[in-house]
Every structure is written in C-alpha cells, then in structure tokens.
Amino acid sequence: MDLIKEAEAFENEKMSHMSTSDRVVASREAKRLILAINEVYKETKDASLMDVMKRLTAKKKRIDIRLKGRPESGI
C-alpha cells in the first residue's frame, strides 16, 4: 500500500530545525495521511492501520504544540 509507505516516510522525517511554514505543511500532510488511512481502515478493520494512525496522530500533536504553543495554566 502506498499510504503505508508514505506514512512510514513521514514518521522517519526529522522535525528539528523546521520553520513555522514547514510545520504547517507537515501538520497538513499528517492530517491528509491520517484521513486517507482512516478511509481504508473503515473498509478493512485492519489493526495495523490503526497503529499507524495512532503514531501519526502523536507526531501531529507534537507538531501542533510547537505551532500553537503550550496552553498556560493559571487564572
């Protein structure tokens, strides 16, 4: 499956020293991959696809935290 190969390539990319625009592109790419894999998962119910989506979601969350900043706790 091409989606799995794309997802693995995305997972292995280095995310250090990225500009803000690079992070936006990476976040959008992660979302695109997650949604595409989810469509396949709906049909097949393959557990390995769910694992890939979980890993991509974790990486996307890390990217989004760097984009938006950490929420401040307080009043």
PDB file of N, CA and C in Angstrom:
ATOM      1  N   MET A   1       0.841  -1.182   0.000  1.00  0.00           N
ATOM      2  CA  MET A   1       0.000   0.000   0.000  1.00  0.00           C
ATOM      3  C   MET A   1       0.888   1.249   0.000  1.00  0.00           C
ATOM      4  N   ASP A   2       0.554   2.159  -0.880  1.00  0.00           N
ATOM      5  CA  ASP A   2       1.325   3.388  -0.975  1.00  0.00           C
ATOM      6  C   ASP A   2       1.139   4.273   0.254  1.00  0.00           C
ATOM      7  N   LEU A   3      -0.057   4.263   0.841  1.00  0.00           N
ATOM      8  CA  LEU A   3      -0.307   5.095   2.015  1.00  0.00           C
ATOM      9  C   LEU A   3       0.586   4.692   3.182  1.00  0.00           C
ATOM     10  N   ILE A   4       0.777   3.409   3.358  1.00  0.00           N
ATOM     11  CA  ILE A   4       1.624   2.932   4.456  1.00  0.00           C
ATOM     12  C   ILE A   4       3.063   3.387   4.241  1.00  0.00           C
ATOM     13  N   LYS A   5       3.542   3.305   3.006  1.00  0.00           N
ATOM     14  CA  LYS A   5       4.909   3.744   2.709  1.00  0.00           C
ATOM     15  C   LYS A   5       5.051   5.244   2.927  1.00  0.00           C
ATOM     16  N   GLU A   6       4.043   6.017   2.504  1.00  0.00           N
ATOM     17  CA  GLU A   6       4.075   7.464   2.728  1.00  0.00           C
ATOM     18  C   GLU A   6       4.078   7.773   4.221  1.00  0.00           C
ATOM     19  N   ALA A   7       3.269   7.049   4.978  1.00  0.00           N
ATOM     20  CA  ALA A   7       3.185   7.274   6.419  1.00  0.00           C
ATOM     21  C   ALA A   7       4.513   6.946   7.095  1.00  0.00           C
ATOM     22  N   GLU A   8       5.151   5.856   6.689  1.00  0.00           N
ATOM     23  CA  GLU A   8       6.440   5.492   7.270  1.00  0.00           C
ATOM     24  C   GLU A   8       7.500   6.535   6.926  1.00  0.00           C
ATOM     25  N   ALA A   9       7.479   7.031   5.701  1.00  0.00           N
ATOM     26  CA  ALA A   9       8.433   8.067   5.302  1.00  0.00           C
ATOM     27  C   ALA A   9       8.205   9.335   6.123  1.00  0.00           C
ATOM     28  N   PHE A  10       6.945   9.684   6.342  1.00  0.00           N
ATOM     29  CA  PHE A  10       6.622  10.867   7.142  1.00  0.00           C
ATOM     30  C   PHE A  10       7.092  10.690   8.584  1.00  0.00           C
ATOM     31  N   GLU A  11       6.872   9.502   9.126  1.00  0.00           N
ATOM     32  CA  GLU A  11       7.289   9.230  10.510  1.00  0.00           C
ATOM     33  C   GLU A  11       8.800   9.347  10.680  1.00  0.00           C
ATOM     34  N   ASN A  12       9.560   8.949   9.658  1.00  0.00           N
ATOM     35  CA  ASN A  12      11.017   8.936   9.763  1.00  0.00           C
ATOM     36  C   ASN A  12      11.666  10.276   9.455  1.00  0.00           C
ATOM     37  N   GLU A  13      10.898  11.258   8.997  1.00  0.00           N
ATOM     38  CA  GLU A  13      11.447  12.578   8.707  1.00  0.00           C
ATOM     39  C   GLU A  13      11.859  13.267   9.996  1.00  0.00           C
ATOM     40  N   LYS A  14      12.941  14.015   9.922  1.00  0.00           N
ATOM     41  CA  LYS A  14      13.384  14.804  11.068  1.00  0.00           C
ATOM     42  C   LYS A  14      12.501  16.037  11.192  1.00  0.00           C
ATOM     43  N   MET A  15      12.141  16.366  12.400  1.00  0.00           N
ATOM     44  CA  MET A  15      11.281  17.517  12.622  1.00  0.00           C
ATOM     45  C   MET A  15      12.006  18.646  13.341  1.00  0.00           C
ATOM     46  N   SER A  16      13.310  18.520  13.527  1.00  0.00           N
ATOM     47  CA  SER A  16      14.048  19.578  14.196  1.00  0.00           C
ATOM     48  C   SER A  16      14.458  20.638  13.183  1.00  0.00           C
ATOM     49  N   HIS A  17      14.612  21.841  13.662  1.00  0.00           N
ATOM     50  CA  HIS A  17      15.043  22.980  12.853  1.00  0.00           C
ATOM     51  C   HIS A  17      14.084  23.271  11.704  1.00  0.00           C
ATOM     52  N   MET A  18      12.797  23.147  11.960  1.00  0.00           N
ATOM     53  CA  MET A  18      11.791  23.436  10.936  1.00  0.00           C
ATOM     54  C   MET A  18      11.285  24.863  11.126  1.00  0.00           C
ATOM     55  N   SER A  19      11.006  25.538  10.029  1.00  0.00           N
ATOM     56  CA  SER A  19      10.380  26.849  10.118  1.00  0.00           C
ATOM     57  C   SER A  19       8.894  26.661  10.416  1.00  0.00           C
ATOM     58  N   THR A  20       8.229  27.755  10.726  1.00  0.00           N
ATOM     59  CA  THR A  20       6.806  27.686  11.021  1.00  0.00           C
ATOM     60  C   THR A  20       6.024  27.193   9.810  1.00  0.00           C
ATOM     61  N   SER A  21       6.387  27.674   8.636  1.00  0.00           N
ATOM     62  CA  SER A  21       5.663  27.233   7.438  1.00  0.00           C
ATOM     63  C   SER A  21       5.902  25.751   7.163  1.00  0.00           C
ATOM     64  N   ASP A  22       7.108  25.255   7.473  1.00  0.00           N
ATOM     65  CA  ASP A  22       7.378  23.823   7.326  1.00  0.00           C
ATOM     66  C   ASP A  22       6.519  23.006   8.280  1.00  0.00           C
ATOM     67  N   ARG A  23       6.323  23.528   9.490  1.00  0.00           N
ATOM     68  CA  ARG A  23       5.487  22.826  10.469  1.00  0.00           C
ATOM     69  C   ARG A  23       4.028  22.793  10.018  1.00  0.00           C
ATOM     70  N   VAL A  24       3.547  23.882   9.426  1.00  0.00           N
ATOM     71  CA  VAL A  24       2.173  23.921   8.929  1.00  0.00           C
ATOM     72  C   VAL A  24       1.999  22.883   7.829  1.00  0.00           C
ATOM     73  N   VAL A  25       2.957  22.811   6.911  1.00  0.00           N
ATOM     74  CA  VAL A  25       2.897  21.829   5.824  1.00  0.00           C
ATOM     75  C   VAL A  25       2.924  20.410   6.389  1.00  0.00           C
ATOM     76  N   ALA A  26       3.791  20.172   7.370  1.00  0.00           N
ATOM     77  CA  ALA A  26       3.894  18.834   7.975  1.00  0.00           C
ATOM     78  C   ALA A  26       2.597  18.453   8.689  1.00  0.00           C
ATOM     79  N   SER A  27       1.984  19.409   9.371  1.00  0.00           N
ATOM     80  CA  SER A  27       0.732  19.139  10.071  1.00  0.00           C
ATOM     81  C   SER A  27      -0.372  18.795   9.078  1.00  0.00           C
ATOM     82  N   ARG A  28      -0.436  19.507   7.977  1.00  0.00           N
ATOM     83  CA  ARG A  28      -1.452  19.232   6.960  1.00  0.00           C
ATOM     84  C   ARG A  28      -1.212  17.880   6.289  1.00  0.00           C
ATOM     85  N   GLU A  29       0.048  17.557   6.061  1.00  0.00           N
ATOM     86  CA  GLU A  29       0.385  16.268   5.454  1.00  0.00           C
ATOM     87  C   GLU A  29      -0.021  15.120   6.394  1.00  0.00           C
ATOM     88  N   ALA A  30       0.249  15.292   7.689  1.00  0.00           N
ATOM     89  CA  ALA A  30      -0.133  14.279   8.666  1.00  0.00           C
ATOM     90  C   ALA A  30      -1.645  14.088   8.672  1.00  0.00           C
ATOM     91  N   LYS A  31      -2.381  15.188   8.637  1.00  0.00           N
ATOM     92  CA  LYS A  31      -3.842  15.102   8.632  1.00  0.00           C
ATOM     93  C   LYS A  31      -4.326  14.374   7.380  1.00  0.00           C
ATOM     94  N   ARG A  32      -3.735  14.700   6.229  1.00  0.00           N
ATOM     95  CA  ARG A  32      -4.132  14.059   4.978  1.00  0.00           C
ATOM     96  C   ARG A  32      -3.907  12.551   5.049  1.00  0.00           C
ATOM     97  N   LEU A  33      -2.736  12.157   5.567  1.00  0.00           N
ATOM     98  CA  LEU A  33      -2.422  10.730   5.674  1.00  0.00           C
ATOM     99  C   LEU A  33      -3.361  10.019   6.644  1.00  0.00           C
ATOM    100  N   ILE A  34      -3.617  10.645   7.774  1.00  0.00           N
ATOM    101  CA  ILE A  34      -4.492  10.028   8.775  1.00  0.00           C
ATOM    102  C   ILE A  34      -5.887   9.809   8.201  1.00  0.00           C
ATOM    103  N   LEU A  35      -6.425  10.818   7.524  1.00  0.00           N
ATOM    104  CA  LEU A  35      -7.773  10.688   6.965  1.00  0.00           C
ATOM    105  C   LEU A  35      -7.830   9.656   5.846  1.00  0.00           C
ATOM    106  N   ALA A  36      -6.787   9.604   5.027  1.00  0.00           N
ATOM    107  CA  ALA A  36      -6.765   8.625   3.937  1.00  0.00           C
ATOM    108  C   ALA A  36      -6.676   7.199   4.486  1.00  0.00           C
ATOM    109  N   ILE A  37      -5.823   7.006   5.490  1.00  0.00           N
ATOM    110  CA  ILE A  37      -5.699   5.681   6.097  1.00  0.00           C
ATOM    111  C   ILE A  37      -6.995   5.302   6.807  1.00  0.00           C
ATOM    112  N   ASN A  38      -7.662   6.285   7.405  1.00  0.00           N
ATOM    113  CA  ASN A  38      -8.926   6.012   8.090  1.00  0.00           C
ATOM    114  C   ASN A  38      -9.982   5.495   7.120  1.00  0.00           C
ATOM    115  N   GLU A  39     -10.016   6.019   5.905  1.00  0.00           N
ATOM    116  CA  GLU A  39     -10.981   5.534   4.911  1.00  0.00           C
ATOM    117  C   GLU A  39     -10.738   4.062   4.583  1.00  0.00           C
ATOM    118  N   VAL A  40      -9.463   3.683   4.467  1.00  0.00           N
ATOM    119  CA  VAL A  40      -9.128   2.287   4.201  1.00  0.00           C
ATOM    120  C   VAL A  40      -9.476   1.436   5.427  1.00  0.00           C
ATOM    121  N   TYR A  41      -9.196   1.970   6.622  1.00  0.00           N
ATOM    122  CA  TYR A  41      -9.470   1.235   7.855  1.00  0.00           C
ATOM    123  C   TYR A  41     -10.965   0.933   7.997  1.00  0.00           C
ATOM    124  N   LYS A  42     -11.808   1.870   7.597  1.00  0.00           N
ATOM    125  CA  LYS A  42     -13.256   1.657   7.695  1.00  0.00           C
ATOM    126  C   LYS A  42     -13.693   0.429   6.904  1.00  0.00           C
ATOM    127  N   GLU A  43     -13.024   0.181   5.793  1.00  0.00           N
ATOM    128  CA  GLU A  43     -13.375  -0.958   4.946  1.00  0.00           C
ATOM    129  C   GLU A  43     -12.791  -2.272   5.458  1.00  0.00           C
ATOM    130  N   THR A  44     -11.521  -2.222   5.922  1.00  0.00           N
ATOM    131  CA  THR A  44     -10.808  -3.462   6.224  1.00  0.00           C
ATOM    132  C   THR A  44     -10.784  -3.825   7.704  1.00  0.00           C
ATOM    133  N   LYS A  45     -10.883  -2.831   8.588  1.00  0.00           N
ATOM    134  CA  LYS A  45     -10.777  -3.040  10.043  1.00  0.00           C
ATOM    135  C   LYS A  45      -9.441  -3.692  10.426  1.00  0.00           C
ATOM    136  N   ASP A  46      -8.379  -3.340   9.697  1.00  0.00           N
ATOM    137  CA  ASP A  46      -7.046  -3.893   9.945  1.00  0.00           C
ATOM    138  C   ASP A  46      -6.405  -3.156  11.118  1.00  0.00           C
ATOM    139  N   ALA A  47      -6.023  -3.899  12.157  1.00  0.00           N
ATOM    140  CA  ALA A  47      -5.467  -3.300  13.369  1.00  0.00           C
ATOM    141  C   ALA A  47      -4.140  -2.592  13.109  1.00  0.00           C
ATOM    142  N   SER A  48      -3.368  -3.065  12.136  1.00  0.00           N
ATOM    143  CA  SER A  48      -2.086  -2.414  11.859  1.00  0.00           C
ATOM    144  C   SER A  48      -2.298  -0.991  11.322  1.00  0.00           C
ATOM    145  N   LEU A  49      -3.389  -0.777  10.611  1.00  0.00           N
ATOM    146  CA  LEU A  49      -3.697   0.582  10.131  1.00  0.00           C
ATOM    147  C   LEU A  49      -4.006   1.509  11.306  1.00  0.00           C
ATOM    148  N   MET A  50      -4.692   0.979  12.306  1.00  0.00           N
ATOM    149  CA  MET A  50      -4.988   1.782  13.486  1.00  0.00           C
ATOM    150  C   MET A  50      -3.701   2.176  14.204  1.00  0.00           C
ATOM    151  N   ASP A  51      -2.740   1.266  14.277  1.00  0.00           N
ATOM    152  CA  ASP A  51      -1.458   1.571  14.904  1.00  0.00           C
ATOM    153  C   ASP A  51      -0.731   2.680  14.153  1.00  0.00           C
ATOM    154  N   VAL A  52      -0.770   2.621  12.834  1.00  0.00           N
ATOM    155  CA  VAL A  52      -0.127   3.659  12.021  1.00  0.00           C
ATOM    156  C   VAL A  52      -0.802   5.005  12.273  1.00  0.00           C
ATOM    157  N   MET A  53      -2.123   5.015  12.316  1.00  0.00           N
ATOM    158  CA  MET A  53      -2.855   6.267  12.561  1.00  0.00           C
ATOM    159  C   MET A  53      -2.521   6.830  13.943  1.00  0.00           C
ATOM    160  N   LYS A  54      -2.379   5.973  14.932  1.00  0.00           N
ATOM    161  CA  LYS A  54      -2.035   6.440  16.281  1.00  0.00           C
ATOM    162  C   LYS A  54      -0.655   7.088  16.309  1.00  0.00           C
ATOM    163  N   ARG A  55       0.310   6.463  15.620  1.00  0.00           N
ATOM    164  CA  ARG A  55       1.661   7.034  15.586  1.00  0.00           C
ATOM    165  C   ARG A  55       1.669   8.374  14.855  1.00  0.00           C
ATOM    166  N   LEU A  56       0.942   8.458  13.754  1.00  0.00           N
ATOM    167  CA  LEU A  56       0.873   9.716  13.002  1.00  0.00           C
ATOM    168  C   LEU A  56       0.189  10.805  13.824  1.00  0.00           C
ATOM    169  N   THR A  57      -0.849  10.431  14.550  1.00  0.00           N
ATOM    170  CA  THR A  57      -1.556  11.395  15.381  1.00  0.00           C
ATOM    171  C   THR A  57      -0.652  11.928  16.479  1.00  0.00           C
ATOM    172  N   ALA A  58       0.153  11.069  17.075  1.00  0.00           N
ATOM    173  CA  ALA A  58       1.083  11.507  18.117  1.00  0.00           C
ATOM    174  C   ALA A  58       2.092  12.494  17.553  1.00  0.00           C
ATOM    175  N   LYS A  59       2.608  12.214  16.365  1.00  0.00           N
ATOM    176  CA  LYS A  59       3.579  13.116  15.746  1.00  0.00           C
ATOM    177  C   LYS A  59       2.905  14.440  15.375  1.00  0.00           C
ATOM    178  N   LYS A  60       1.683  14.379  14.878  1.00  0.00           N
ATOM    179  CA  LYS A  60       0.944  15.595  14.523  1.00  0.00           C
ATOM    180  C   LYS A  60       0.703  16.451  15.758  1.00  0.00           C
ATOM    181  N   LYS A  61       0.382  15.830  16.877  1.00  0.00           N
ATOM    182  CA  LYS A  61       0.156  16.577  18.115  1.00  0.00           C
ATOM    183  C   LYS A  61       1.425  17.311  18.544  1.00  0.00           C
ATOM    184  N   ARG A  62       2.581  16.644  18.414  1.00  0.00           N
ATOM    185  CA  ARG A  62       3.847  17.298  18.768  1.00  0.00           C
ATOM    186  C   ARG A  62       4.105  18.503  17.870  1.00  0.00           C
ATOM    187  N   ILE A  63       3.813  18.360  16.591  1.00  0.00           N
ATOM    188  CA  ILE A  63       3.999  19.470  15.650  1.00  0.00           C
ATOM    189  C   ILE A  63       3.050  20.612  16.007  1.00  0.00           C
ATOM    190  N   ASP A  64       1.789  20.281  16.297  1.00  0.00           N
ATOM    191  CA  ASP A  64       0.794  21.308  16.609  1.00  0.00           C
ATOM    192  C   ASP A  64       1.135  22.052  17.897  1.00  0.00           C
ATOM    193  N   ILE A  65       1.699  21.348  18.866  1.00  0.00           N
ATOM    194  CA  ILE A  65       2.103  22.006  20.108  1.00  0.00           C
ATOM    195  C   ILE A  65       3.180  23.041  19.817  1.00  0.00           C
ATOM    196  N   ARG A  66       4.127  22.705  18.948  1.00  0.00           N
ATOM    197  CA  ARG A  66       5.170  23.662  18.574  1.00  0.00           C
ATOM    198  C   ARG A  66       4.597  24.843  17.805  1.00  0.00           C
ATOM    199  N   LEU A  67       3.534  24.610  17.027  1.00  0.00           N
ATOM    200  CA  LEU A  67       2.914  25.693  16.264  1.00  0.00           C
ATOM    201  C   LEU A  67       2.122  26.636  17.164  1.00  0.00           C
ATOM    202  N   LYS A  68       1.301  26.066  18.024  1.00  0.00           N
ATOM    203  CA  LYS A  68       0.361  26.855  18.805  1.00  0.00           C
ATOM    204  C   LYS A  68       0.913  27.264  20.161  1.00  0.00           C
ATOM    205  N   GLY A  69       1.935  26.591  20.615  1.00  0.00           N
ATOM    206  CA  GLY A  69       2.462  26.842  21.943  1.00  0.00           C
ATOM    207  C   GLY A  69       1.716  26.041  22.981  1.00  0.00           C
ATOM    208  N   ARG A  70       2.311  25.887  24.105  1.00  0.00           N
ATOM    209  CA  ARG A  70       1.673  25.138  25.177  1.00  0.00           C
ATOM    210  C   ARG A  70       0.641  26.031  25.858  1.00  0.00           C
ATOM    211  N   PRO A  71      -0.508  25.455  26.218  1.00  0.00           N
ATOM    212  CA  PRO A  71      -1.512  26.262  26.923  1.00  0.00           C
ATOM    213  C   PRO A  71      -1.007  26.619  28.307  1.00  0.00           C
ATOM    214  N   GLU A  72      -1.287  27.847  28.719  1.00  0.00           N
ATOM    215  CA  GLU A  72      -0.840  28.284  30.029  1.00  0.00           C
ATOM    216  C   GLU A  72      -1.848  27.844  31.078  1.00  0.00           C
ATOM    217  N   SER A  73      -1.318  27.383  32.198  1.00  0.00           N
ATOM    218  CA  SER A  73      -2.207  27.043  33.292  1.00  0.00           C
ATOM    219  C   SER A  73      -2.228  28.234  34.232  1.00  0.00           C
ATOM    220  N   GLY A  74      -3.360  28.531  34.754  1.00  0.00           N
ATOM    221  CA  GLY A  74      -3.481  29.684  35.641  1.00  0.00           C
ATOM    222  C   GLY A  74      -4.846  30.300  35.504  1.00  0.00           C
ATOM    223  N   ILE A  75      -4.953  31.466  36.054  1.00  0.00           N
ATOM    224  CA  ILE A  75      -6.260  32.139  36.090  1.00  0.00           C
ATOM    225  C   ILE A  75      -6.498  32.916  34.842  1.00  0.00           C
TER     226      ILE A  75
END
